Amino acid sequence: MHRSSPAYRCTLARSGAAAPILPGYAWPWLARVDGMTTTPEDLSPSSTAEEEAVRICKELIRIDTSNYGDGSGPGERAAAEYVVELLREVGLEPEVTAPADHPERTSVVVRTPGRDSSRPGLVLHGHLDVVPAEAKDWTVDPFSAEEKDGMIWGRGAVDMKDMDAMLLATLRQLVRSGEKPPRDIVWAFFADEEAGGTQGAGHVVAEHPEWFEGCTEAISEVGGFSITLPDHATGAPTRAYLLQTAEKGIAWLRLHASGRAGHGSVPNSENAIVRLAEAIARIDAHPWPRTYIASVRELFDGVERVTGESWSEEKVEDVLARLGGARRFVEGTLQDTSNFSMLDSGYKMNVIPQSASASLDCRFLPGHEDELLDTIRELAGEHVEVEIEHKDVALEAPSSGELVDSMKRALLKEDPGAHVLPYCLSGGTDNKHLSRLGITGYGFAPLRLPEDLDFVGMFHGVDERVPVDAIRFGTRVLGQLIADC
């Protein structure tokens, strides 16, 4: 098949995980923009990190890395090849790995030495995969990286090829400058995060923990973005940046109900579907109690300081309303949650099936894992088995310390007068996998956003997009952080 065909792109290096990265490859899949082919060669040494970040973001979006969660899709191999080419162009030799049975799930890791390698190292990481996009629902081609209205449109624009691009541009600029950061930095670009990361960060941590030797802290996605609050003194809008210091744990469960099969015309008191439906109703009606972990309380206290309006557990709705679109991230962190997402039973109208099953997506706060699972099992009842398909830890990091101070300084140098507040993410990140190595993780992909942008709605949403100016801003902030980490 021809190298420029999509089928070729999906079959790169199928021979195994050890297949070499293709040196000097011409990257034929990268689209043409204004009649010019966008390739790594266009990222000349004279380009600024901000310019490079914008261009790399577009190029990464144009590489389809859709992760369907079922082993299908193109994988991240092509994007990993592109990342390796960018790193080799500035003289770096990254490590490349993928599971032996899934060579398309490729991750890239490179370490740059700091001025003081005796200090604990820092991991800066992103993921190369994206969730799928239905082109018919979008107003643009989701893999075109079209720039319009001052924004780059496309799947992965905020989750998280923008951060990947900012990291790559910052790293390339660092190497070209000949400067060294204060401590060692490990730069990682993982596969498979959108399906739990087992074949990406999970694989790398399990098979190559030595790549993170000496590292104690990590920075990744879904933090460092701005929201707008009313200043208590003037009433004028003021920006606050949400630094992710915690994330909920994940328990993906499958409920299996058993019963007695039979003819649809005969009464059946042991109907598996009915037993499952009753369990679903009990779980759905369960009132998960509200719990305010430290990161949530510190966020609400910070909003109170900025706005001058006090909050209490009885007036939580008031503080949530002040958060704008970020409310959707925060509201899910006030309690454990459980949501049914899939059902499966039966094969013919007049046959009562012997079994029925349902998928349940549970998210739990730090320290709540055992309590949540015990509650689900009790509510499911004696005729319904609860199977754990995937489970991952909840995390909470300190909201103070040297790294937190460095992130705050980097933001405030670019946006003086702003505020930086901690928060808990209702979803999860690859920091969960790194935590198995004792690495404390934060979310910090800095973006200064326009007040009217529904940023939270961009994640996995239709017409996902990121402001060009926000990428430029974030690249400057990351540059400040690297110099002061």
Protein backbone atom coordinates (compact mmCIF):
# COMPACT_ATOMS: atom_id res chain seq x y z
CA MET A 1 0.00 0.00 0.00
CA HIS A 2 1.10 3.59 -0.52
CA ARG A 3 2.85 5.34 2.39
CA SER A 4 0.45 8.27 2.23
CA SER A 5 -2.65 6.12 2.69
CA PRO A 6 -4.46 6.03 6.05
CA ALA A 7 -4.15 2.24 6.09
CA TYR A 8 -0.37 2.53 5.97
CA ARG A 9 -0.41 4.93 8.87
CA CYS A 10 -2.34 2.42 10.96
CA THR A 11 0.07 -0.43 10.23
CA LEU A 12 3.38 1.22 11.05
CA ALA A 13 5.78 -1.10 12.87
CA ARG A 14 3.34 -3.97 13.41
CA SER A 15 6.29 -6.34 13.60
CA GLY A 16 6.78 -5.80 17.33
CA ALA A 17 7.58 -3.44 20.17
CA ALA A 18 11.25 -3.43 19.35
CA ALA A 19 10.72 -2.21 15.80
CA PRO A 20 13.02 0.78 15.26
CA ILE A 21 11.74 4.30 14.88
CA LEU A 22 12.08 5.30 11.25
CA PRO A 23 14.96 7.83 11.02
CA GLY A 24 14.56 10.58 8.49
CA TYR A 25 10.98 9.61 7.69
CA ALA A 26 9.19 12.19 5.53
CA TRP A 27 5.95 12.21 7.55
CA PRO A 28 3.67 12.05 4.47
CA TRP A 29 0.45 12.07 6.53
CA LEU A 30 0.93 15.64 7.71
CA ALA A 31 -1.53 17.88 5.94
CA ARG A 32 -0.78 20.84 3.74
CA VAL A 33 -1.63 24.26 5.07
CA ASP A 34 -1.79 27.20 2.68
CA GLY A 35 0.05 25.13 0.11
CA MET A 36 2.96 24.27 2.42
CA THR A 37 3.66 20.85 3.88
CA THR A 38 3.99 21.05 7.65
CA THR A 39 6.93 18.89 8.72
CA PRO A 40 9.49 18.95 11.51
CA GLU A 41 11.95 20.52 9.09
CA ASP A 42 9.82 23.69 9.16
CA LEU A 43 10.61 24.08 12.87
CA SER A 44 13.87 25.87 12.28
CA PRO A 45 16.27 26.86 15.07
CA SER A 46 15.14 30.46 14.57
CA SER A 47 11.54 29.59 15.55
CA THR A 48 10.48 30.69 19.00
CA ALA A 49 9.12 28.14 21.44
CA GLU A 50 5.70 29.81 21.17
CA GLU A 51 5.66 29.50 17.38
CA GLU A 52 6.81 25.90 17.58
CA ALA A 53 4.16 25.00 20.14
CA VAL A 54 1.37 26.27 17.89
CA ARG A 55 2.72 24.43 14.88
CA ILE A 56 3.43 21.19 16.74
CA CYS A 57 -0.07 21.25 18.22
CA LYS A 58 -1.55 21.40 14.73
CA GLU A 59 0.68 18.62 13.46
CA LEU A 60 -0.18 16.33 16.36
CA ILE A 61 -3.92 16.91 15.87
CA ARG A 62 -3.54 15.91 12.21
CA ILE A 63 -2.20 12.51 13.29
CA ASP A 64 -5.28 10.46 14.18
CA THR A 65 -4.60 8.67 17.46
CA SER A 66 -8.21 7.82 18.33
CA ASN A 67 -8.46 5.36 21.21
CA TYR A 68 -11.71 3.36 21.12
CA GLY A 69 -10.84 1.44 24.26
CA ASP A 70 -11.35 -1.96 22.60
CA GLY A 71 -7.98 -2.47 20.92
CA SER A 72 -9.10 -0.99 17.62
CA GLY A 73 -8.00 2.31 16.13
CA PRO A 74 -4.67 3.47 14.74
CA GLY A 75 -2.76 3.60 18.03
CA GLU A 76 -0.14 6.20 18.90
CA ARG A 77 2.77 4.81 16.88
CA ALA A 78 2.65 7.49 14.19
CA ALA A 79 2.50 10.30 16.75
CA ALA A 80 5.34 8.70 18.70
CA GLU A 81 7.43 8.55 15.51
CA TYR A 82 6.81 12.25 15.02
CA VAL A 83 7.77 13.07 18.62
CA VAL A 84 10.99 11.07 18.27
CA GLU A 85 11.89 12.95 15.10
CA LEU A 86 11.40 16.29 16.88
CA LEU A 87 13.63 15.17 19.74
CA ARG A 88 16.32 13.70 17.52
CA GLU A 89 16.40 16.88 15.50
CA VAL A 90 17.83 18.71 18.54
CA GLY A 91 20.23 15.92 19.44
CA LEU A 92 18.23 13.92 21.96
CA GLU A 93 17.95 10.11 21.86
CA PRO A 94 14.68 9.15 23.52
CA GLU A 95 13.59 5.75 24.77
CA VAL A 96 10.68 4.15 22.91
CA THR A 97 8.53 1.30 24.18
CA ALA A 98 5.24 -0.50 23.58
CA PRO A 99 3.68 -3.73 24.87
CA ALA A 100 4.87 -6.71 22.83
CA ASP A 101 1.29 -7.63 21.94
CA HIS A 102 0.30 -4.05 21.09
CA PRO A 103 3.23 -2.42 19.26
CA GLU A 104 0.97 0.38 18.06
CA ARG A 105 0.56 1.61 21.65
CA THR A 106 3.88 3.43 21.64
CA SER A 107 5.25 5.70 24.38
CA VAL A 108 8.31 7.97 24.28
CA VAL A 109 10.51 8.99 27.24
CA VAL A 110 13.63 11.15 27.39
CA ARG A 111 15.66 12.50 30.32
CA THR A 112 17.52 15.81 30.38
CA PRO A 113 20.12 16.38 33.11
CA GLY A 114 19.84 19.29 35.49
CA ARG A 115 22.47 21.46 37.13
CA ASP A 116 22.10 19.45 40.32
CA SER A 117 21.35 15.80 39.57
CA SER A 118 21.47 14.99 43.27
CA ARG A 119 18.11 16.71 43.65
CA PRO A 120 14.93 14.64 43.15
CA GLY A 121 13.88 14.62 39.50
CA LEU A 122 10.68 16.01 37.97
CA VAL A 123 8.48 14.22 35.42
CA LEU A 124 6.64 16.28 32.79
CA HIS A 125 4.23 14.09 30.88
CA GLY A 126 1.37 14.03 28.42
CA HIS A 127 -0.60 11.43 26.48
CA LEU A 128 -0.65 11.09 22.71
CA ASP A 129 -4.03 9.37 22.28
CA VAL A 130 -7.42 11.06 21.97
CA VAL A 131 -11.01 9.95 22.26
CA PRO A 132 -12.78 9.31 18.93
CA ALA A 133 -14.64 12.06 17.10
CA GLU A 134 -17.71 11.72 14.88
CA ALA A 135 -16.94 13.99 11.94
CA LYS A 136 -20.63 14.39 11.06
CA ASP A 137 -21.24 16.15 14.39
CA TRP A 138 -18.45 18.71 13.94
CA THR A 139 -18.46 21.98 12.02
CA VAL A 140 -14.84 21.31 10.95
CA ASP A 141 -12.84 18.18 10.14
CA PRO A 142 -11.84 16.99 13.65
CA PHE A 143 -8.36 16.06 12.40
CA SER A 144 -7.69 19.13 10.26
CA ALA A 145 -6.32 21.40 13.01
CA GLU A 146 -8.04 24.27 11.27
CA GLU A 147 -7.23 27.69 12.69
CA LYS A 148 -10.13 30.11 12.80
CA ASP A 149 -11.47 32.71 15.21
CA GLY A 150 -8.08 32.74 16.90
CA MET A 151 -8.35 29.06 17.87
CA ILE A 152 -7.03 25.68 16.74
CA TRP A 153 -9.93 23.29 16.18
CA GLY A 154 -9.61 19.53 16.37
CA ARG A 155 -9.74 16.42 18.49
CA GLY A 156 -7.04 16.67 21.14
CA ALA A 157 -6.82 20.46 21.05
CA VAL A 158 -7.26 20.59 24.84
CA ASP A 159 -7.00 16.88 25.71
CA MET A 160 -4.09 17.02 25.44
CA LYS A 161 -2.08 17.67 22.31
CA ASP A 162 -1.84 21.34 23.25
CA MET A 163 0.16 20.43 26.37
CA ASP A 164 2.19 17.85 24.41
CA ALA A 165 3.11 20.60 21.96
CA MET A 166 4.01 23.07 24.71
CA LEU A 167 6.24 20.48 26.38
CA LEU A 168 7.98 19.57 23.11
CA ALA A 169 8.53 23.20 22.13
CA THR A 170 9.85 24.05 25.60
CA LEU A 171 12.17 21.05 25.58
CA ARG A 172 13.54 21.83 22.11
CA GLN A 173 14.17 25.44 23.12
CA LEU A 174 15.90 24.30 26.31
CA VAL A 175 18.27 22.00 24.41
CA ARG A 176 19.05 24.63 21.78
CA SER A 177 19.85 27.22 24.43
CA GLY A 178 22.45 24.98 26.05
CA GLU A 179 20.98 25.81 29.46
CA LYS A 180 20.24 23.22 32.10
CA PRO A 181 17.24 23.25 34.44
CA PRO A 182 17.87 23.21 38.19
CA ARG A 183 17.24 19.44 38.39
CA ASP A 184 16.83 16.40 36.14
CA ILE A 185 13.62 16.33 34.13
CA VAL A 186 12.03 13.26 32.58
CA TRP A 187 9.80 14.13 29.62
CA ALA A 188 7.24 11.42 28.80
CA PHE A 189 4.64 11.08 26.07
CA PHE A 190 2.40 8.13 26.89
CA ALA A 191 -0.02 6.01 24.91
CA ASP A 192 -3.45 4.75 25.96
CA GLU A 193 -4.43 7.25 28.67
CA GLU A 194 -7.98 7.51 27.32
CA ALA A 195 -8.51 3.79 28.03
CA GLY A 196 -6.99 3.80 31.51
CA GLY A 197 -3.33 3.89 30.48
CA THR A 198 -2.62 0.20 31.06
CA GLN A 199 -0.76 -0.09 27.75
CA GLY A 200 0.82 3.34 28.06
CA ALA A 201 1.98 4.81 31.37
CA GLY A 202 1.07 1.56 33.13
CA HIS A 203 3.29 -0.42 30.77
CA VAL A 204 6.19 2.04 31.07
CA VAL A 205 6.05 2.12 34.86
CA ALA A 206 5.90 -1.68 35.07
CA GLU A 207 8.58 -2.46 32.49
CA HIS A 208 10.94 0.52 32.80
CA PRO A 209 10.76 2.01 36.29
CA GLU A 210 14.48 2.85 35.98
CA TRP A 211 13.58 5.62 33.51
CA PHE A 212 12.06 7.52 36.45
CA GLU A 213 14.83 6.79 38.94
CA GLY A 214 15.16 9.56 41.51
CA CYS A 215 11.94 11.33 40.44
CA THR A 216 9.55 12.34 43.21
CA GLU A 217 7.11 14.76 41.51
CA ALA A 218 5.21 14.94 38.23
CA ILE A 219 3.18 17.45 36.24
CA SER A 220 0.55 16.66 33.64
CA GLU A 221 -2.90 17.70 32.40
CA VAL A 222 -6.15 19.35 33.51
CA GLY A 223 -4.80 22.08 35.72
CA GLY A 224 -3.35 25.55 35.39
CA PHE A 225 -6.26 26.88 33.32
CA SER A 226 -7.94 30.16 34.18
CA ILE A 227 -11.45 30.93 35.35
CA THR A 228 -12.92 34.37 35.95
CA LEU A 229 -14.18 35.53 39.36
CA PRO A 230 -15.52 38.90 40.58
CA ASP A 231 -12.94 40.71 42.70
CA HIS A 232 -14.34 41.53 46.16
CA ALA A 233 -12.77 45.00 46.27
CA THR A 234 -13.69 46.32 42.82
CA GLY A 235 -16.28 43.92 41.48
CA ALA A 236 -14.21 43.72 38.31
CA PRO A 237 -13.45 40.35 36.72
CA THR A 238 -10.20 38.79 37.91
CA ARG A 239 -8.52 35.58 36.83
CA ALA A 240 -7.85 32.58 39.03
CA TYR A 241 -5.88 29.56 37.84
CA LEU A 242 -6.92 26.14 39.08
CA LEU A 243 -3.95 23.97 40.03
CA GLN A 244 -4.90 20.30 40.17
CA THR A 245 -3.76 18.85 43.49
CA ALA A 246 -6.10 15.84 43.69
CA GLU A 247 -8.04 13.45 41.50
CA LYS A 248 -10.75 10.92 42.19
CA GLY A 249 -10.18 7.20 41.95
CA ILE A 250 -11.78 4.97 39.34
CA ALA A 251 -13.76 1.74 39.74
CA TRP A 252 -15.24 0.42 36.51
CA LEU A 253 -17.61 -2.34 37.55
CA ARG A 254 -19.70 -4.94 35.76
CA LEU A 255 -22.87 -6.18 37.44
CA HIS A 256 -23.98 -9.71 36.53
CA ALA A 257 -27.49 -10.86 37.41
CA SER A 258 -28.45 -14.53 37.11
CA GLY A 259 -31.88 -16.06 36.92
CA ARG A 260 -33.97 -18.80 35.34
CA ALA A 261 -34.33 -18.90 31.57
CA GLY A 262 -37.72 -19.63 30.11
CA HIS A 263 -40.49 -18.93 27.64
CA GLY A 264 -41.73 -15.37 27.46
CA SER A 265 -45.36 -16.49 27.92
CA VAL A 266 -44.76 -18.16 31.31
CA PRO A 267 -44.59 -16.26 34.63
CA ASN A 268 -41.02 -16.11 35.96
CA SER A 269 -40.17 -14.92 39.45
CA GLU A 270 -36.42 -15.38 38.83
CA ASN A 271 -36.05 -13.07 35.84
CA ALA A 272 -32.41 -11.95 35.55
CA ILE A 273 -33.39 -8.69 33.84
CA VAL A 274 -35.77 -7.78 36.66
CA ARG A 275 -33.14 -8.60 39.28
CA LEU A 276 -30.62 -6.42 37.47
CA ALA A 277 -33.14 -3.60 37.02
CA GLU A 278 -33.94 -3.65 40.74
CA ALA A 279 -30.23 -3.48 41.58
CA ILE A 280 -29.76 -0.59 39.14
CA ALA A 281 -32.68 1.28 40.74
CA ARG A 282 -31.26 0.81 44.25
CA ILE A 283 -27.78 1.98 43.28
CA ASP A 284 -29.09 4.91 41.25
CA ALA A 285 -31.24 6.08 44.15
CA HIS A 286 -28.43 5.87 46.69
CA PRO A 287 -27.61 9.33 48.12
CA TRP A 288 -23.81 9.42 48.21
CA PRO A 289 -22.97 11.74 51.12
CA ARG A 290 -21.03 14.91 50.50
CA THR A 291 -17.44 14.97 51.72
CA TYR A 292 -15.11 17.97 51.52
CA ILE A 293 -11.51 16.85 51.09
CA ALA A 294 -8.67 19.29 51.74
CA SER A 295 -8.26 20.34 48.08
CA VAL A 296 -11.96 21.18 47.80
CA ARG A 297 -12.03 23.15 51.05
CA GLU A 298 -8.93 25.10 50.02
CA LEU A 299 -10.51 25.90 46.66
CA PHE A 300 -13.69 27.18 48.28
CA ASP A 301 -11.67 29.16 50.85
CA GLY A 302 -9.70 30.71 48.00
CA VAL A 303 -12.86 31.68 46.11
CA GLU A 304 -14.10 33.28 49.32
CA ARG A 305 -10.90 35.35 49.61
CA VAL A 306 -11.13 36.53 46.01
CA THR A 307 -14.85 37.31 45.93
CA GLY A 308 -15.38 38.30 49.56
CA GLU A 309 -18.44 36.03 49.75
CA SER A 310 -18.29 33.41 52.49
CA TRP A 311 -19.15 29.78 51.92
CA SER A 312 -20.40 26.99 54.13
CA GLU A 313 -21.50 23.42 53.62
CA GLU A 314 -25.07 24.68 53.73
CA LYS A 315 -24.34 27.26 50.97
CA VAL A 316 -22.25 25.19 48.58
CA GLU A 317 -24.51 26.05 45.65
CA ASP A 318 -23.44 29.69 45.92
CA VAL A 319 -19.73 28.98 45.61
CA LEU A 320 -20.30 26.46 42.79
CA ALA A 321 -22.23 29.08 40.84
CA ARG A 322 -19.24 31.44 40.97
CA LEU A 323 -17.01 28.88 39.22
CA GLY A 324 -18.73 29.17 35.85
CA GLY A 325 -18.00 26.27 33.51
CA ALA A 326 -15.42 24.82 35.91
CA ARG A 327 -18.34 23.93 38.16
CA ARG A 328 -18.75 20.69 36.18
CA PHE A 329 -15.25 19.58 37.14
CA VAL A 330 -15.65 20.60 40.78
CA GLU A 331 -19.21 19.47 41.51
CA GLY A 332 -18.27 15.83 40.95
CA THR A 333 -15.55 16.07 43.61
CA LEU A 334 -17.92 16.74 46.51
CA GLN A 335 -18.95 13.09 46.78
CA ASP A 336 -18.41 9.62 45.40
CA THR A 337 -20.40 8.98 42.22
CA SER A 338 -21.84 5.99 40.35
CA ASN A 339 -23.29 6.09 36.85
CA PHE A 340 -24.58 3.22 34.72
CA SER A 341 -23.30 3.36 31.16
CA MET A 342 -24.06 0.05 29.35
CA LEU A 343 -26.62 -2.80 29.47
CA ASP A 344 -26.49 -6.26 27.94
CA SER A 345 -29.09 -9.04 28.00
CA GLY A 346 -31.29 -11.25 25.88
CA TYR A 347 -31.27 -12.41 22.29
CA LYS A 348 -34.93 -12.95 21.31
CA MET A 349 -38.26 -11.34 22.15
CA ASN A 350 -39.97 -14.48 23.52
CA VAL A 351 -37.00 -15.88 25.46
CA ILE A 352 -36.38 -14.88 29.07
CA PRO A 353 -32.57 -14.80 29.37
CA GLN A 354 -30.64 -16.57 32.07
CA SER A 355 -28.34 -13.60 32.68
CA ALA A 356 -28.15 -9.83 32.36
CA SER A 357 -25.31 -7.41 32.95
CA ALA A 358 -24.65 -3.69 33.29
CA SER A 359 -21.57 -1.48 33.35
CA LEU A 360 -21.16 0.95 36.24
CA ASP A 361 -18.65 3.82 36.27
CA CYS A 362 -17.77 4.70 39.87
CA ARG A 363 -15.46 7.49 41.00
CA PHE A 364 -14.36 7.75 44.60
CA LEU A 365 -12.62 10.36 46.72
CA PRO A 366 -9.27 9.70 48.42
CA GLY A 367 -9.78 7.20 51.23
CA HIS A 368 -13.24 6.11 50.05
CA GLU A 369 -12.40 3.11 47.85
CA ASP A 370 -13.36 0.29 50.24
CA GLU A 371 -16.47 2.08 51.46
CA LEU A 372 -17.74 2.64 47.91
CA LEU A 373 -17.20 -0.96 46.82
CA ASP A 374 -18.85 -2.33 49.97
CA THR A 375 -21.85 -0.06 49.40
CA ILE A 376 -22.25 -1.13 45.77
CA ARG A 377 -22.09 -4.82 46.69
CA GLU A 378 -24.70 -4.36 49.41
CA LEU A 379 -27.05 -2.43 47.13
CA ALA A 380 -26.62 -4.94 44.28
CA GLY A 381 -28.16 -7.70 46.38
CA GLU A 382 -27.70 -11.44 46.63
CA HIS A 383 -28.58 -12.29 43.02
CA VAL A 384 -26.17 -9.81 41.43
CA GLU A 385 -22.42 -10.35 41.29
CA VAL A 386 -20.17 -7.27 41.22
CA GLU A 387 -17.06 -7.67 39.06
CA ILE A 388 -14.21 -5.14 39.12
CA GLU A 389 -13.06 -4.61 35.53
CA HIS A 390 -10.66 -1.74 36.24
CA LYS A 391 -9.72 0.06 39.42
CA ASP A 392 -7.26 2.86 40.07
CA VAL A 393 -6.25 4.89 43.06
CA ALA A 394 -7.48 8.31 44.16
CA LEU A 395 -4.74 10.89 44.73
CA GLU A 396 -4.23 14.04 46.78
CA ALA A 397 -0.98 15.99 46.80
CA PRO A 398 0.14 18.82 49.10
CA SER A 399 -1.07 22.24 48.02
CA SER A 400 2.14 23.85 49.23
CA GLY A 401 5.84 23.19 48.77
CA GLU A 402 8.69 24.14 46.44
CA LEU A 403 7.15 22.81 43.23
CA VAL A 404 3.77 24.39 43.94
CA ASP A 405 5.52 27.68 44.66
CA SER A 406 7.42 27.38 41.36
CA MET A 407 4.20 26.80 39.42
CA LYS A 408 2.59 29.80 41.10
CA ARG A 409 5.58 32.06 40.38
CA ALA A 410 5.63 31.00 36.73
CA LEU A 411 1.94 31.82 36.32
CA LEU A 412 2.06 35.12 38.18
CA LYS A 413 5.11 36.29 36.25
CA GLU A 414 3.03 36.05 33.06
CA ASP A 415 -0.25 37.19 34.65
CA PRO A 416 0.50 39.49 37.61
CA GLY A 417 -2.43 40.02 39.93
CA ALA A 418 -4.04 36.68 39.20
CA HIS A 419 -4.78 34.05 41.83
CA VAL A 420 -3.77 30.38 41.97
CA LEU A 421 -6.13 27.97 43.74
CA PRO A 422 -5.97 24.20 44.28
CA TYR A 423 -8.75 21.90 43.11
CA CYS A 424 -9.64 18.22 42.75
CA LEU A 425 -10.25 16.67 39.32
CA SER A 426 -13.34 14.47 39.01
CA GLY A 427 -11.63 12.34 36.34
CA GLY A 428 -8.20 10.75 36.33
CA THR A 429 -4.77 11.12 34.74
CA ASP A 430 -1.60 9.09 34.18
CA ASN A 431 -0.35 10.44 37.51
CA LYS A 432 -2.13 7.39 38.96
CA HIS A 433 0.39 5.07 37.29
CA LEU A 434 3.38 7.18 38.34
CA SER A 435 2.12 7.16 41.92
CA ARG A 436 3.08 3.47 42.07
CA LEU A 437 6.69 4.64 41.96
CA GLY A 438 6.12 7.03 44.83
CA ILE A 439 5.82 10.04 42.51
CA THR A 440 3.47 12.83 43.61
CA GLY A 441 1.44 14.23 40.72
CA TYR A 442 -0.08 17.61 39.85
CA GLY A 443 -2.15 18.90 36.95
CA PHE A 444 -0.59 21.98 35.37
CA ALA A 445 -1.17 22.65 31.66
CA PRO A 446 -1.25 26.46 31.89
CA LEU A 447 -3.76 28.26 29.66
CA ARG A 448 -5.04 31.84 29.97
CA LEU A 449 -8.55 31.56 28.60
CA PRO A 450 -11.20 34.02 27.44
CA GLU A 451 -14.05 34.35 29.91
CA ASP A 452 -16.70 33.21 27.43
CA LEU A 453 -15.00 29.93 26.40
CA ASP A 454 -16.67 26.78 27.74
CA PHE A 455 -13.32 25.16 28.42
CA VAL A 456 -14.64 22.23 30.43
CA GLY A 457 -17.06 21.47 27.59
CA MET A 458 -14.10 21.10 25.22
CA PHE A 459 -12.95 17.87 26.90
CA HIS A 460 -14.24 14.97 24.76
CA GLY A 461 -16.71 17.45 23.25
CA VAL A 462 -17.78 18.36 19.74
CA ASP A 463 -15.80 21.19 18.09
CA GLU A 464 -12.97 20.90 20.62
CA ARG A 465 -10.67 23.91 20.29
CA VAL A 466 -7.97 25.88 22.06
CA PRO A 467 -7.03 29.56 21.71
CA VAL A 468 -3.73 30.15 19.94
CA ASP A 469 -2.88 32.87 22.45
CA ALA A 470 -3.46 30.38 25.28
CA ILE A 471 -0.87 28.01 23.82
CA ARG A 472 1.60 30.86 23.50
CA PHE A 473 0.90 31.87 27.10
CA GLY A 474 1.26 28.31 28.37
CA THR A 475 4.57 27.87 26.57
CA ARG A 476 5.96 30.97 28.24
CA VAL A 477 4.75 29.78 31.64
CA LEU A 478 6.32 26.34 31.18
CA GLY A 479 9.56 28.02 30.17
CA GLN A 480 9.50 30.00 33.41
CA LEU A 481 8.74 26.84 35.38
CA ILE A 482 11.60 24.86 33.83
CA ALA A 483 14.04 27.59 34.79
CA ASP A 484 12.76 27.62 38.37
CA CYS A 485 11.75 24.04 39.19
